[in-house]
Protein backbone atom coordinates (compact mmCIF):
# COMPACT_ATOMS: atom_id res chain seq x y z
CA MET A 1 -87.21 -5.66 39.90
CA ASP A 2 -86.47 -2.28 41.48
CA ASP A 3 -88.58 0.85 40.99
CA ALA A 4 -86.22 2.39 38.42
CA SER A 5 -86.40 -0.74 36.26
CA LYS A 6 -90.19 -0.88 36.59
CA THR A 7 -90.45 2.74 35.51
CA ALA A 8 -88.10 2.22 32.55
CA TYR A 9 -89.99 -0.92 31.51
CA TRP A 10 -93.33 0.87 31.66
CA LYS A 11 -92.04 3.90 29.73
CA ALA A 12 -90.64 1.64 27.00
CA ASN A 13 -93.95 -0.21 26.85
CA LEU A 14 -95.91 3.05 26.55
CA ARG A 15 -93.59 4.33 23.80
CA LEU A 16 -94.18 1.13 21.87
CA ILE A 17 -97.96 1.30 22.32
CA ILE A 18 -98.12 4.97 21.33
CA GLY A 19 -95.95 4.32 18.27
CA CYS A 20 -98.19 1.46 17.14
CA LEU A 21 -101.32 3.54 17.68
CA VAL A 22 -99.88 6.44 15.68
CA VAL A 23 -99.06 4.12 12.76
CA TRP A 24 -102.50 2.51 12.88
CA PHE A 25 -104.31 5.87 13.14
CA THR A 26 -102.27 7.34 10.29
CA CYS A 27 -103.03 4.40 8.04
CA SER A 28 -106.69 3.93 8.90
CA PHE A 29 -107.86 7.51 9.41
CA GLY A 30 -105.23 9.50 7.55
CA LEU A 31 -104.85 7.38 4.43
CA GLY A 32 -108.30 5.80 4.47
CA ILE A 33 -110.35 8.94 5.11
CA LEU A 34 -108.42 12.22 5.02
CA LEU A 35 -106.25 11.51 1.98
CA ALA A 36 -108.68 9.16 0.22
CA ASP A 37 -109.47 11.61 -2.58
CA GLN A 38 -105.79 12.14 -3.42
CA LEU A 39 -105.05 8.41 -3.20
CA ASN A 40 -108.02 7.52 -5.41
CA ALA A 41 -106.04 8.87 -8.39
CA ILE A 42 -103.85 5.76 -8.03
CA LYS A 43 -105.26 2.33 -8.87
CA ILE A 44 -104.00 -1.05 -7.69
CA GLY A 45 -105.57 -4.13 -9.22
CA GLY A 46 -108.43 -2.05 -10.60
CA TYR A 47 -109.32 -0.55 -7.21
CA LYS A 48 -108.68 3.00 -6.13
CA LEU A 49 -105.91 3.23 -3.54
CA GLY A 50 -107.99 5.33 -1.12
CA PHE A 51 -110.74 2.70 -1.18
CA TRP A 52 -108.15 -0.05 -0.68
CA PHE A 53 -106.67 1.66 2.41
CA ALA A 54 -110.13 2.23 3.89
CA GLN A 55 -111.26 -1.36 3.29
CA GLN A 56 -108.17 -3.55 3.38
CA GLY A 57 -105.02 -1.60 4.08
CA SER A 58 -105.85 -0.62 7.63
CA ILE A 59 -106.72 -4.24 8.45
CA TYR A 60 -103.40 -5.48 7.07
CA VAL A 61 -101.53 -2.79 8.98
CA PHE A 62 -103.39 -3.71 12.16
CA LEU A 63 -102.47 -7.39 11.76
CA PHE A 64 -98.84 -6.46 11.09
CA LEU A 65 -98.84 -4.27 14.22
CA ILE A 66 -100.11 -7.16 16.35
CA PHE A 67 -97.15 -9.34 15.38
CA PHE A 68 -94.74 -6.40 15.58
CA TYR A 69 -95.96 -5.52 19.09
CA ALA A 70 -95.66 -9.14 20.24
CA ALA A 71 -92.10 -9.41 18.94
CA CYS A 72 -91.08 -6.08 20.48
CA MET A 73 -92.66 -6.96 23.83
CA ASN A 74 -90.83 -10.30 23.87
CA ALA A 75 -87.55 -8.43 23.31
CA LEU A 76 -88.47 -5.86 25.95
CA ASP A 77 -89.36 -8.60 28.44
CA ARG A 78 -86.00 -10.28 27.86
CA LYS A 79 -84.19 -6.96 28.20
CA PHE A 80 -85.76 -6.29 31.62
CA ASN A 81 -85.66 -9.99 32.61
CA VAL A 82 -89.40 -10.39 33.05
CA HIS A 83 -89.89 -12.94 30.27
CA GLU A 84 -91.69 -16.22 30.73
CA GLY A 85 -89.80 -19.45 30.83
């Protein structure tokens, strides 16, 4: 792998990581803490939506992001021909 490909691979990896972190931060901090009062006006299953995001929603988003990141990295590895097997 030449230097240009290594740089492109690393930049794509960083973009993916930063995107995932922004989504996770927005969901956990933004929806769970900053906008909790506004979201508490909405109820799902008897629980206030702000409480749900703070307690459960950010965990579900984090788990989704793990699988999303793994799938995207597999595609990125194949694109730059650094995949295993």
